[in-house]
C-alpha atoms as a PDB file:
ATOM      1  CA  MET A   1     -53.616  24.954  32.183  1.00  0.00           C
ATOM      2  CA  GLN A   2     -51.772  27.307  29.848  1.00  0.00           C
ATOM      3  CA  ILE A   3     -49.667  30.074  31.326  1.00  0.00           C
ATOM      4  CA  GLY A   4     -48.624  33.080  28.987  1.00  0.00           C
ATOM      5  CA  VAL A   5     -48.728  30.797  25.783  1.00  0.00           C
ATOM      6  CA  GLU A   6     -48.393  32.141  22.386  1.00  0.00           C
ATOM      7  CA  VAL A   7     -50.659  30.621  19.731  1.00  0.00           C
ATOM      8  CA  SER A   8     -47.866  30.104  17.058  1.00  0.00           C
ATOM      9  CA  ARG A   9     -45.675  28.082  19.557  1.00  0.00           C
ATOM     10  CA  MET A  10     -48.910  25.665  20.386  1.00  0.00           C
ATOM     11  CA  VAL A  11     -49.212  24.749  16.785  1.00  0.00           C
ATOM     12  CA  GLU A  12     -45.431  24.402  16.003  1.00  0.00           C
ATOM     13  CA  ASN A  13     -45.084  21.330  18.057  1.00  0.00           C
ATOM     14  CA  ARG A  14     -41.303  21.251  18.979  1.00  0.00           C
ATOM     15  CA  ARG A  15     -40.530  17.924  20.801  1.00  0.00           C
ATOM     16  CA  ILE A  16     -38.651  18.128  23.699  1.00  0.00           C
ATOM     17  CA  PHE A  17     -37.014  15.316  25.923  1.00  0.00           C
ATOM     18  CA  VAL A  18     -36.639  16.178  29.731  1.00  0.00           C
ATOM     19  CA  VAL A  19     -33.849  13.605  30.686  1.00  0.00           C
ATOM     20  CA  VAL A  20     -33.218  14.593  34.197  1.00  0.00           C
ATOM     21  CA  GLU A  21     -32.578  11.955  37.028  1.00  0.00           C
ATOM     22  CA  ASP A  22     -34.597  13.863  39.866  1.00  0.00           C
ATOM     23  CA  GLU A  23     -38.143  12.968  38.915  1.00  0.00           C
ATOM     24  CA  ILE A  24     -39.452  16.177  40.799  1.00  0.00           C
ATOM     25  CA  VAL A  25     -37.028  18.520  38.620  1.00  0.00           C
ATOM     26  CA  ARG A  26     -37.959  16.417  35.557  1.00  0.00           C
ATOM     27  CA  ALA A  27     -41.801  16.986  36.033  1.00  0.00           C
ATOM     28  CA  ALA A  28     -41.385  20.513  36.888  1.00  0.00           C
ATOM     29  CA  LEU A  29     -39.314  21.155  33.618  1.00  0.00           C
ATOM     30  CA  GLN A  30     -41.902  19.134  31.758  1.00  0.00           C
ATOM     31  CA  PHE A  31     -44.867  21.233  33.238  1.00  0.00           C
ATOM     32  CA  MET A  32     -43.041  24.427  32.349  1.00  0.00           C
ATOM     33  CA  LEU A  33     -42.750  23.592  28.841  1.00  0.00           C
ATOM     34  CA  HIS A  34     -45.765  21.314  27.973  1.00  0.00           C
ATOM     35  CA  ASP A  35     -47.957  24.270  26.951  1.00  0.00           C
ATOM     36  CA  GLU A  36     -45.812  25.547  24.004  1.00  0.00           C
ATOM     37  CA  ASN A  37     -44.078  22.336  23.081  1.00  0.00           C
ATOM     38  CA  GLU A  38     -44.340  18.392  23.084  1.00  0.00           C
ATOM     39  CA  ALA A  39     -42.425  17.806  26.279  1.00  0.00           C
ATOM     40  CA  HIS A  40     -41.714  14.522  27.484  1.00  0.00           C
ATOM     41  CA  GLU A  41     -40.257  13.308  30.869  1.00  0.00           C
ATOM     42  CA  VAL A  42     -37.617  10.717  30.099  1.00  0.00           C
ATOM     43  CA  PRO A  43     -35.772   9.009  33.006  1.00  0.00           C
ATOM     44  CA  ASP A  44     -32.676   8.107  31.430  1.00  0.00           C
ATOM     45  CA  LEU A  45     -30.680   8.283  28.146  1.00  0.00           C
ATOM     46  CA  ALA A  46     -31.276   4.628  27.289  1.00  0.00           C
ATOM     47  CA  ALA A  47     -35.233   5.496  27.439  1.00  0.00           C
ATOM     48  CA  ALA A  48     -34.436   8.809  25.467  1.00  0.00           C
ATOM     49  CA  PHE A  49     -32.881   6.743  22.722  1.00  0.00           C
ATOM     50  CA  ALA A  50     -35.449   4.178  22.648  1.00  0.00           C
ATOM     51  CA  LYS A  51     -38.143   6.837  22.304  1.00  0.00           C
ATOM     52  CA  ALA A  52     -36.315   8.686  19.873  1.00  0.00           C
ATOM     53  CA  SER A  53     -36.260   5.960  17.288  1.00  0.00           C
ATOM     54  CA  ARG A  54     -40.071   6.699  16.839  1.00  0.00           C
ATOM     55  CA  PHE A  55     -40.468  10.296  17.942  1.00  0.00           C
ATOM     56  CA  PRO A  56     -37.033  12.156  17.278  1.00  0.00           C
ATOM     57  CA  PRO A  57     -36.686  15.252  19.685  1.00  0.00           C
ATOM     58  CA  ASP A  58     -35.743  18.646  18.656  1.00  0.00           C
ATOM     59  CA  LEU A  59     -34.218  19.426  22.069  1.00  0.00           C
ATOM     60  CA  LEU A  60     -32.845  17.545  25.011  1.00  0.00           C
ATOM     61  CA  LEU A  61     -32.838  19.011  28.264  1.00  0.00           C
ATOM     62  CA  LEU A  62     -29.866  16.791  29.964  1.00  0.00           C
ATOM     63  CA  ASP A  63     -28.892  16.583  33.503  1.00  0.00           C
ATOM     64  CA  LEU A  64     -25.606  17.615  34.055  1.00  0.00           C
ATOM     65  CA  GLY A  65     -25.189  14.625  36.335  1.00  0.00           C
ATOM     66  CA  ILE A  66     -25.471  12.314  33.483  1.00  0.00           C
ATOM     67  CA  VAL A  67     -22.482  14.003  31.700  1.00  0.00           C
ATOM     68  CA  TRP A  68     -20.411  13.812  34.950  1.00  0.00           C
ATOM     69  CA  ARG A  69     -21.106  10.096  35.388  1.00  0.00           C
ATOM     70  CA  GLU A  70     -20.789   9.138  31.761  1.00  0.00           C
ATOM     71  CA  GLY A  71     -18.264  11.642  30.658  1.00  0.00           C
ATOM     72  CA  MET A  72     -18.334  14.120  28.145  1.00  0.00           C
ATOM     73  CA  GLY A  73     -18.226  11.535  25.404  1.00  0.00           C
ATOM     74  CA  VAL A  74     -21.741  11.097  25.973  1.00  0.00           C
ATOM     75  CA  LEU A  75     -22.502  14.396  24.257  1.00  0.00           C
ATOM     76  CA  ALA A  76     -20.707  13.110  21.127  1.00  0.00           C
ATOM     77  CA  ARG A  77     -22.960   9.884  21.442  1.00  0.00           C
ATOM     78  CA  ILE A  78     -26.074  12.056  21.733  1.00  0.00           C
ATOM     79  CA  SER A  79     -24.926  14.127  18.663  1.00  0.00           C
ATOM     80  CA  GLN A  80     -24.328  10.803  16.511  1.00  0.00           C
ATOM     81  CA  GLN A  81     -27.784   8.933  17.540  1.00  0.00           C
ATOM     82  CA  LEU A  82     -29.849  12.303  17.434  1.00  0.00           C
ATOM     83  CA  PRO A  83     -28.112  14.467  14.998  1.00  0.00           C
ATOM     84  CA  GLU A  84     -30.988  16.951  14.656  1.00  0.00           C
ATOM     85  CA  ALA A  85     -31.445  17.295  18.551  1.00  0.00           C
ATOM     86  CA  LYS A  86     -29.923  20.261  20.371  1.00  0.00           C
ATOM     87  CA  VAL A  87     -28.742  19.570  23.954  1.00  0.00           C
ATOM     88  CA  LEU A  88     -29.529  22.109  26.786  1.00  0.00           C
ATOM     89  CA  LEU A  89     -27.705  21.037  29.977  1.00  0.00           C
ATOM     90  CA  VAL A  90     -29.616  21.354  33.234  1.00  0.00           C
ATOM     91  CA  ALA A  91     -27.239  22.450  36.102  1.00  0.00           C
ATOM     92  CA  GLU A  92     -27.344  23.894  39.514  1.00  0.00           C
ATOM     93  CA  SER A  93     -26.354  27.373  38.320  1.00  0.00           C
ATOM     94  CA  ASP A  94     -26.495  29.247  34.773  1.00  0.00           C
ATOM     95  CA  HIS A  95     -22.876  29.754  35.758  1.00  0.00           C
ATOM     96  CA  ASP A  96     -21.638  26.309  36.405  1.00  0.00           C
ATOM     97  CA  PRO A  97     -18.091  26.063  34.920  1.00  0.00           C
ATOM     98  CA  ASP A  98     -18.584  22.219  34.363  1.00  0.00           C
ATOM     99  CA  ALA A  99     -21.541  22.921  32.167  1.00  0.00           C
ATOM    100  CA  HIS A 100     -19.923  25.580  30.201  1.00  0.00           C
ATOM    101  CA  ALA A 101     -17.209  23.459  29.533  1.00  0.00           C
ATOM    102  CA  CYS A 102     -19.553  21.246  27.590  1.00  0.00           C
ATOM    103  CA  VAL A 103     -21.023  24.013  25.348  1.00  0.00           C
ATOM    104  CA  GLY A 104     -19.533  23.710  21.994  1.00  0.00           C
ATOM    105  CA  VAL A 105     -18.468  20.278  22.664  1.00  0.00           C
ATOM    106  CA  GLY A 106     -21.810  19.110  22.109  1.00  0.00           C
ATOM    107  CA  ALA A 107     -24.053  20.965  24.329  1.00  0.00           C
ATOM    108  CA  HIS A 108     -25.832  24.197  22.966  1.00  0.00           C
ATOM    109  CA  GLY A 109     -26.472  26.073  26.427  1.00  0.00           C
ATOM    110  CA  VAL A 110     -26.982  25.656  30.196  1.00  0.00           C
ATOM    111  CA  LEU A 111     -30.411  25.932  31.967  1.00  0.00           C
ATOM    112  CA  GLY A 112     -29.435  26.684  35.638  1.00  0.00           C
ATOM    113  CA  LYS A 113     -31.551  26.824  38.734  1.00  0.00           C
ATOM    114  CA  PRO A 114     -33.609  28.390  40.154  1.00  0.00           C
ATOM    115  CA  PHE A 115     -36.116  27.243  37.491  1.00  0.00           C
ATOM    116  CA  VAL A 116     -38.892  29.957  36.694  1.00  0.00           C
ATOM    117  CA  VAL A 117     -41.481  29.438  33.843  1.00  0.00           C
ATOM    118  CA  ALA A 118     -40.634  32.587  31.983  1.00  0.00           C
ATOM    119  CA  GLY A 119     -36.964  31.919  32.168  1.00  0.00           C
ATOM    120  CA  VAL A 120     -37.185  28.161  31.335  1.00  0.00           C
ATOM    121  CA  ARG A 121     -39.266  28.993  28.286  1.00  0.00           C
ATOM    122  CA  ARG A 122     -37.024  31.761  27.162  1.00  0.00           C
ATOM    123  CA  LYS A 123     -33.863  29.827  27.316  1.00  0.00           C
ATOM    124  CA  VAL A 124     -35.340  26.930  25.401  1.00  0.00           C
ATOM    125  CA  ASP A 125     -36.903  29.236  22.771  1.00  0.00           C
ATOM    126  CA  GLN A 126     -33.158  30.834  22.286  1.00  0.00           C
ATOM    127  CA  VAL A 127     -31.781  27.201  21.908  1.00  0.00           C
ATOM    128  CA  LEU A 128     -34.450  26.232  19.392  1.00  0.00           C
ATOM    129  CA  GLY A 129     -33.940  29.410  17.471  1.00  0.00           C
ATOM    130  CA  ARG A 130     -37.280  31.085  18.105  1.00  0.00           C
ATOM    131  CA  ILE A 131     -35.566  34.137  19.572  1.00  0.00           C
ATOM    132  CA  PRO A 132     -32.192  35.438  19.302  1.00  0.00           C
ATOM    133  CA  SER A 133     -29.700  34.743  22.060  1.00  0.00           C
ATOM    134  CA  LEU A 134     -28.150  37.456  24.077  1.00  0.00           C
ATOM    135  CA  ALA A 135     -24.749  36.586  22.889  1.00  0.00           C
ATOM    136  CA  ALA A 136     -25.811  36.663  19.099  1.00  0.00           C
ATOM    137  CA  ALA A 137     -27.206  40.147  19.884  1.00  0.00           C
ATOM    138  CA  ALA A 138     -24.010  41.607  21.323  1.00  0.00           C
END
């Protein structure tokens, strides 16, 4: 089922890895994104790195819990192993101070709950450079 899909996005084929520990959240985000992107559910970073060796992603939606557990150095490791990929942190809120502390240190933005199809797609499009961010417009 395709919900509000732009034809240009269907053929653009940007690859996104949804690296979120909670499988329900991971599946929901993948579902919201799969119409306009090549979105893959990935349970952890080890699986993401293994998959990226064959199919490198343009974007990682990364669970903030992974950063908490592994430390902010994990963002440098991602940047080193996946230099072309951007990182969008998945957090409890768009205003999470821990998530925003990671922006500019390897993360490119924050995606907070509640997740709504249009909002998730808009944030992903901003990070992928498809539409200008609000910060760039200001």
